[in-house]
């Protein structure tokens, strides 16, 4: 069975990589892969709308990809963006954003302010079971990260669905402040 480690919080050197997942997995000796599933408009779910400050059902831009470890699907990650800010930019174009999504956001004038991240464990939904090739009754860990600019504008919401049995979440603390 393949198991991928995900650090919480993510080390700055990893967060600065073109792909957080590829950098983390390759450092673990895993053959990492990713494939774009969808880029385009989508109706915001209630939890995504709340993070982006729009009404549920409002059109947002979605960028959905699946990540693999040793050719096994382990995560589905979807980035959500406000349509009125990002339609007509490279954020809304098909394919992976080069050199990185963070660079594109910075190029568009968005300065990072803060982020809020929640983790939820729950049974996999049917589309998640299919995409991640998990059986009925298997669970996923949902990581929902909302990133806000320095002026408080919701810029990027990242929903990552991880096959729970294929992940270990390492929790680190600030150097010199490690406690049991």
C-alpha atoms as a PDB file:
ATOM      1  CA  UNK A   1       0.000   0.000   0.000  1.00  0.00           C
ATOM      2  CA  UNK A   2       1.272   3.488  -0.860  1.00  0.00           C
ATOM      3  CA  UNK A   3       1.384   6.112   1.895  1.00  0.00           C
ATOM      4  CA  UNK A   4       2.201   9.783   1.376  1.00  0.00           C
ATOM      5  CA  UNK A   5       3.226  12.140   4.171  1.00  0.00           C
ATOM      6  CA  UNK A   6       1.746  15.639   4.289  1.00  0.00           C
ATOM      7  CA  UNK A   7       3.291  18.186   6.608  1.00  0.00           C
ATOM      8  CA  UNK A   8       1.083  20.584   8.529  1.00  0.00           C
ATOM      9  CA  UNK A   9       2.140  23.343   8.394  1.00  0.00           C
ATOM     10  CA  UNK A  10       3.958  23.033   5.086  1.00  0.00           C
ATOM     11  CA  UNK A  11       7.643  23.944   5.143  1.00  0.00           C
ATOM     12  CA  UNK A  12       8.354  27.250   3.352  1.00  0.00           C
ATOM     13  CA  UNK A  13      10.786  25.622   0.911  1.00  0.00           C
ATOM     14  CA  UNK A  14       8.074  23.137  -0.109  1.00  0.00           C
ATOM     15  CA  UNK A  15       5.326  25.791  -0.283  1.00  0.00           C
ATOM     16  CA  UNK A  16       7.557  27.821  -2.628  1.00  0.00           C
ATOM     17  CA  UNK A  17       7.913  24.902  -5.082  1.00  0.00           C
ATOM     18  CA  UNK A  18       6.098  24.910  -8.419  1.00  0.00           C
ATOM     19  CA  UNK A  19       4.045  21.989  -7.059  1.00  0.00           C
ATOM     20  CA  UNK A  20       3.723  21.466  -3.319  1.00  0.00           C
ATOM     21  CA  UNK A  21       2.612  17.871  -3.835  1.00  0.00           C
ATOM     22  CA  UNK A  22       5.384  16.915  -6.268  1.00  0.00           C
ATOM     23  CA  UNK A  23       8.035  18.426  -3.978  1.00  0.00           C
ATOM     24  CA  UNK A  24       6.688  16.620  -0.888  1.00  0.00           C
ATOM     25  CA  UNK A  25       6.209  13.242  -2.572  1.00  0.00           C
ATOM     26  CA  UNK A  26       9.500  13.211  -4.453  1.00  0.00           C
ATOM     27  CA  UNK A  27      11.380  14.057  -1.226  1.00  0.00           C
ATOM     28  CA  UNK A  28       9.818  10.866   0.189  1.00  0.00           C
ATOM     29  CA  UNK A  29      11.111   8.759  -2.709  1.00  0.00           C
ATOM     30  CA  UNK A  30       7.657   8.385  -4.247  1.00  0.00           C
ATOM     31  CA  UNK A  31       7.069   8.513  -7.993  1.00  0.00           C
ATOM     32  CA  UNK A  32       4.686  11.468  -7.984  1.00  0.00           C
ATOM     33  CA  UNK A  33       2.311  12.406 -10.749  1.00  0.00           C
ATOM     34  CA  UNK A  34      -0.526  14.824 -11.357  1.00  0.00           C
ATOM     35  CA  UNK A  35      -3.166  15.244 -14.035  1.00  0.00           C
ATOM     36  CA  UNK A  36      -5.510  18.163 -14.614  1.00  0.00           C
ATOM     37  CA  UNK A  37      -9.146  17.031 -14.561  1.00  0.00           C
ATOM     38  CA  UNK A  38     -10.978  20.311 -15.127  1.00  0.00           C
ATOM     39  CA  UNK A  39     -10.474  24.057 -15.470  1.00  0.00           C
ATOM     40  CA  UNK A  40     -13.471  26.315 -15.885  1.00  0.00           C
ATOM     41  CA  UNK A  41     -16.553  27.856 -14.339  1.00  0.00           C
ATOM     42  CA  UNK A  42     -18.377  26.017 -11.582  1.00  0.00           C
ATOM     43  CA  UNK A  43     -21.152  26.807  -9.108  1.00  0.00           C
ATOM     44  CA  UNK A  44     -19.701  27.408  -5.651  1.00  0.00           C
ATOM     45  CA  UNK A  45     -20.783  24.928  -2.984  1.00  0.00           C
ATOM     46  CA  UNK A  46     -21.921  26.362   0.328  1.00  0.00           C
ATOM     47  CA  UNK A  47     -18.559  25.804   2.045  1.00  0.00           C
ATOM     48  CA  UNK A  48     -16.543  27.241  -0.868  1.00  0.00           C
ATOM     49  CA  UNK A  49     -18.899  30.212  -1.261  1.00  0.00           C
ATOM     50  CA  UNK A  50     -18.539  31.029   2.429  1.00  0.00           C
ATOM     51  CA  UNK A  51     -14.744  31.150   2.142  1.00  0.00           C
ATOM     52  CA  UNK A  52     -14.834  33.259  -1.029  1.00  0.00           C
ATOM     53  CA  UNK A  53     -17.522  35.620   0.262  1.00  0.00           C
ATOM     54  CA  UNK A  54     -20.041  34.875  -2.503  1.00  0.00           C
ATOM     55  CA  UNK A  55     -23.522  33.365  -2.471  1.00  0.00           C
ATOM     56  CA  UNK A  56     -23.820  29.575  -2.762  1.00  0.00           C
ATOM     57  CA  UNK A  57     -24.260  28.719  -6.431  1.00  0.00           C
ATOM     58  CA  UNK A  58     -22.325  31.795  -7.614  1.00  0.00           C
ATOM     59  CA  UNK A  59     -20.012  31.110 -10.520  1.00  0.00           C
ATOM     60  CA  UNK A  60     -16.359  30.690  -9.558  1.00  0.00           C
ATOM     61  CA  UNK A  61     -13.349  29.418 -11.461  1.00  0.00           C
ATOM     62  CA  UNK A  62     -12.339  25.873 -10.523  1.00  0.00           C
ATOM     63  CA  UNK A  63      -9.016  24.138 -11.259  1.00  0.00           C
ATOM     64  CA  UNK A  64      -9.256  20.414 -10.345  1.00  0.00           C
ATOM     65  CA  UNK A  65      -6.432  17.887 -10.509  1.00  0.00           C
ATOM     66  CA  UNK A  66      -5.674  14.391  -9.253  1.00  0.00           C
ATOM     67  CA  UNK A  67      -2.342  13.480  -7.711  1.00  0.00           C
ATOM     68  CA  UNK A  68      -0.829  10.017  -7.810  1.00  0.00           C
ATOM     69  CA  UNK A  69       1.848   8.223  -5.812  1.00  0.00           C
ATOM     70  CA  UNK A  70       3.475   5.291  -7.560  1.00  0.00           C
ATOM     71  CA  UNK A  71       0.563   5.494 -10.056  1.00  0.00           C
ATOM     72  CA  UNK A  72      -2.083   5.210  -7.291  1.00  0.00           C
ATOM     73  CA  UNK A  73      -4.534   8.148  -6.954  1.00  0.00           C
ATOM     74  CA  UNK A  74      -4.095   9.679  -3.506  1.00  0.00           C
ATOM     75  CA  UNK A  75      -5.498  13.237  -3.657  1.00  0.00           C
ATOM     76  CA  UNK A  76      -7.907  15.409  -5.566  1.00  0.00           C
ATOM     77  CA  UNK A  77      -7.131  19.095  -5.235  1.00  0.00           C
ATOM     78  CA  UNK A  78      -9.423  21.846  -6.464  1.00  0.00           C
ATOM     79  CA  UNK A  79      -8.482  25.510  -6.437  1.00  0.00           C
ATOM     80  CA  UNK A  80     -11.351  27.986  -6.445  1.00  0.00           C
ATOM     81  CA  UNK A  81     -11.110  31.647  -7.478  1.00  0.00           C
ATOM     82  CA  UNK A  82     -13.497  34.575  -7.690  1.00  0.00           C
ATOM     83  CA  UNK A  83     -14.701  34.779 -11.297  1.00  0.00           C
ATOM     84  CA  UNK A  84     -14.827  38.575 -11.304  1.00  0.00           C
ATOM     85  CA  UNK A  85     -11.121  38.765 -10.334  1.00  0.00           C
ATOM     86  CA  UNK A  86      -9.670  35.965 -12.428  1.00  0.00           C
ATOM     87  CA  UNK A  87     -11.729  35.463 -15.611  1.00  0.00           C
ATOM     88  CA  UNK A  88      -9.502  36.338 -18.572  1.00  0.00           C
ATOM     89  CA  UNK A  89      -6.256  35.657 -16.678  1.00  0.00           C
ATOM     90  CA  UNK A  90      -3.926  32.658 -16.927  1.00  0.00           C
ATOM     91  CA  UNK A  91      -5.575  31.363 -13.731  1.00  0.00           C
ATOM     92  CA  UNK A  92      -8.662  30.579 -15.865  1.00  0.00           C
ATOM     93  CA  UNK A  93      -6.726  28.948 -18.719  1.00  0.00           C
ATOM     94  CA  UNK A  94      -6.505  25.150 -19.162  1.00  0.00           C
ATOM     95  CA  UNK A  95      -3.419  23.266 -18.023  1.00  0.00           C
ATOM     96  CA  UNK A  96      -0.984  23.898 -15.213  1.00  0.00           C
ATOM     97  CA  UNK A  97      -0.010  27.491 -14.439  1.00  0.00           C
ATOM     98  CA  UNK A  98       3.693  28.083 -15.084  1.00  0.00           C
ATOM     99  CA  UNK A  99       5.965  28.684 -13.311  1.00  0.00           C
ATOM    100  CA  UNK A 100       3.516  28.337 -10.401  1.00  0.00           C
ATOM    101  CA  UNK A 101       0.065  29.360  -9.238  1.00  0.00           C
ATOM    102  CA  UNK A 102       1.634  31.499  -6.499  1.00  0.00           C
ATOM    103  CA  UNK A 103       3.736  33.367  -9.077  1.00  0.00           C
ATOM    104  CA  UNK A 104       0.626  34.027 -11.181  1.00  0.00           C
ATOM    105  CA  UNK A 105      -1.246  35.422  -8.177  1.00  0.00           C
ATOM    106  CA  UNK A 106       1.694  37.657  -7.292  1.00  0.00           C
ATOM    107  CA  UNK A 107       2.000  38.822 -10.924  1.00  0.00           C
ATOM    108  CA  UNK A 108      -1.670  39.842 -10.758  1.00  0.00           C
ATOM    109  CA  UNK A 109      -0.902  42.062  -7.760  1.00  0.00           C
ATOM    110  CA  UNK A 110      -2.166  39.871  -4.921  1.00  0.00           C
ATOM    111  CA  UNK A 111       0.032  40.020  -1.822  1.00  0.00           C
ATOM    112  CA  UNK A 112      -0.498  37.177   0.636  1.00  0.00           C
ATOM    113  CA  UNK A 113      -1.987  38.243   3.965  1.00  0.00           C
ATOM    114  CA  UNK A 114      -3.074  35.118   5.845  1.00  0.00           C
ATOM    115  CA  UNK A 115      -4.706  31.724   5.431  1.00  0.00           C
ATOM    116  CA  UNK A 116      -7.179  29.609   7.360  1.00  0.00           C
ATOM    117  CA  UNK A 117      -6.994  25.833   7.093  1.00  0.00           C
ATOM    118  CA  UNK A 118      -9.490  23.271   8.362  1.00  0.00           C
ATOM    119  CA  UNK A 119      -9.210  19.491   8.299  1.00  0.00           C
ATOM    120  CA  UNK A 120     -12.262  17.243   8.297  1.00  0.00           C
ATOM    121  CA  UNK A 121     -12.438  13.442   8.218  1.00  0.00           C
ATOM    122  CA  UNK A 122     -15.551  11.991   6.602  1.00  0.00           C
ATOM    123  CA  UNK A 123     -16.800   9.110   4.438  1.00  0.00           C
ATOM    124  CA  UNK A 124     -15.858   9.498   0.767  1.00  0.00           C
ATOM    125  CA  UNK A 125     -18.568  10.790  -1.555  1.00  0.00           C
ATOM    126  CA  UNK A 126     -19.320   8.697  -4.687  1.00  0.00           C
ATOM    127  CA  UNK A 127     -17.278  10.861  -7.089  1.00  0.00           C
ATOM    128  CA  UNK A 128     -14.352  10.832  -4.619  1.00  0.00           C
ATOM    129  CA  UNK A 129     -14.543   7.035  -4.307  1.00  0.00           C
ATOM    130  CA  UNK A 130     -14.385   6.748  -8.082  1.00  0.00           C
ATOM    131  CA  UNK A 131     -11.586   9.277  -8.631  1.00  0.00           C
ATOM    132  CA  UNK A 132      -9.452   8.020  -5.737  1.00  0.00           C
ATOM    133  CA  UNK A 133     -10.292   4.334  -6.327  1.00  0.00           C
ATOM    134  CA  UNK A 134     -11.365   3.765  -2.712  1.00  0.00           C
ATOM    135  CA  UNK A 135     -13.990   1.304  -1.621  1.00  0.00           C
ATOM    136  CA  UNK A 136     -17.419   1.954  -0.104  1.00  0.00           C
ATOM    137  CA  UNK A 137     -17.144   3.001   3.519  1.00  0.00           C
ATOM    138  CA  UNK A 138     -13.586   4.291   3.155  1.00  0.00           C
ATOM    139  CA  UNK A 139     -12.908   7.739   4.532  1.00  0.00           C
ATOM    140  CA  UNK A 140     -11.201  10.837   3.192  1.00  0.00           C
ATOM    141  CA  UNK A 141      -9.522  13.762   4.883  1.00  0.00           C
ATOM    142  CA  UNK A 142     -10.664  17.088   3.493  1.00  0.00           C
ATOM    143  CA  UNK A 143      -8.277  20.007   3.862  1.00  0.00           C
ATOM    144  CA  UNK A 144      -9.871  23.356   3.114  1.00  0.00           C
ATOM    145  CA  UNK A 145      -7.383  26.229   2.894  1.00  0.00           C
ATOM    146  CA  UNK A 146      -8.621  29.766   2.285  1.00  0.00           C
ATOM    147  CA  UNK A 147      -5.930  32.285   1.349  1.00  0.00           C
ATOM    148  CA  UNK A 148      -6.535  36.000   1.736  1.00  0.00           C
ATOM    149  CA  UNK A 149      -4.583  38.956   0.388  1.00  0.00           C
ATOM    150  CA  UNK A 150      -3.028  41.584   2.626  1.00  0.00           C
ATOM    151  CA  UNK A 151      -6.219  43.676   2.278  1.00  0.00           C
ATOM    152  CA  UNK A 152      -8.442  40.723   3.287  1.00  0.00           C
ATOM    153  CA  UNK A 153      -9.695  39.820  -0.203  1.00  0.00           C
ATOM    154  CA  UNK A 154     -10.362  36.069  -0.537  1.00  0.00           C
ATOM    155  CA  UNK A 155      -7.956  35.146  -3.326  1.00  0.00           C
ATOM    156  CA  UNK A 156      -7.641  31.343  -3.362  1.00  0.00           C
ATOM    157  CA  UNK A 157      -9.562  28.500  -1.739  1.00  0.00           C
ATOM    158  CA  UNK A 158      -7.913  25.097  -2.045  1.00  0.00           C
ATOM    159  CA  UNK A 159      -9.958  21.989  -1.299  1.00  0.00           C
ATOM    160  CA  UNK A 160      -7.785  18.882  -1.056  1.00  0.00           C
ATOM    161  CA  UNK A 161      -9.458  15.504  -0.672  1.00  0.00           C
ATOM    162  CA  UNK A 162      -7.004  12.836   0.523  1.00  0.00           C
ATOM    163  CA  UNK A 163      -7.607   9.099   0.610  1.00  0.00           C
ATOM    164  CA  UNK A 164      -7.312   8.697   4.390  1.00  0.00           C
ATOM    165  CA  UNK A 165      -5.630   5.285   4.301  1.00  0.00           C
ATOM    166  CA  UNK A 166      -2.951   6.607   1.934  1.00  0.00           C
ATOM    167  CA  UNK A 167      -1.783   9.541   4.049  1.00  0.00           C
ATOM    168  CA  UNK A 168       0.076  10.333   7.239  1.00  0.00           C
ATOM    169  CA  UNK A 169      -0.169  13.932   8.434  1.00  0.00           C
ATOM    170  CA  UNK A 170       3.037  15.136  10.098  1.00  0.00           C
ATOM    171  CA  UNK A 171       2.464  18.031  12.478  1.00  0.00           C
ATOM    172  CA  UNK A 172       5.505  20.214  13.100  1.00  0.00           C
ATOM    173  CA  UNK A 173       6.037  23.123  15.434  1.00  0.00           C
ATOM    174  CA  UNK A 174       8.295  26.145  15.436  1.00  0.00           C
ATOM    175  CA  UNK A 175      11.964  25.256  16.057  1.00  0.00           C
ATOM    176  CA  UNK A 176      12.785  25.357  19.750  1.00  0.00           C
ATOM    177  CA  UNK A 177       9.145  24.988  20.769  1.00  0.00           C
ATOM    178  CA  UNK A 178       8.554  21.277  20.179  1.00  0.00           C
ATOM    179  CA  UNK A 179       6.388  19.696  22.854  1.00  0.00           C
ATOM    180  CA  UNK A 180       4.760  16.299  23.326  1.00  0.00           C
END
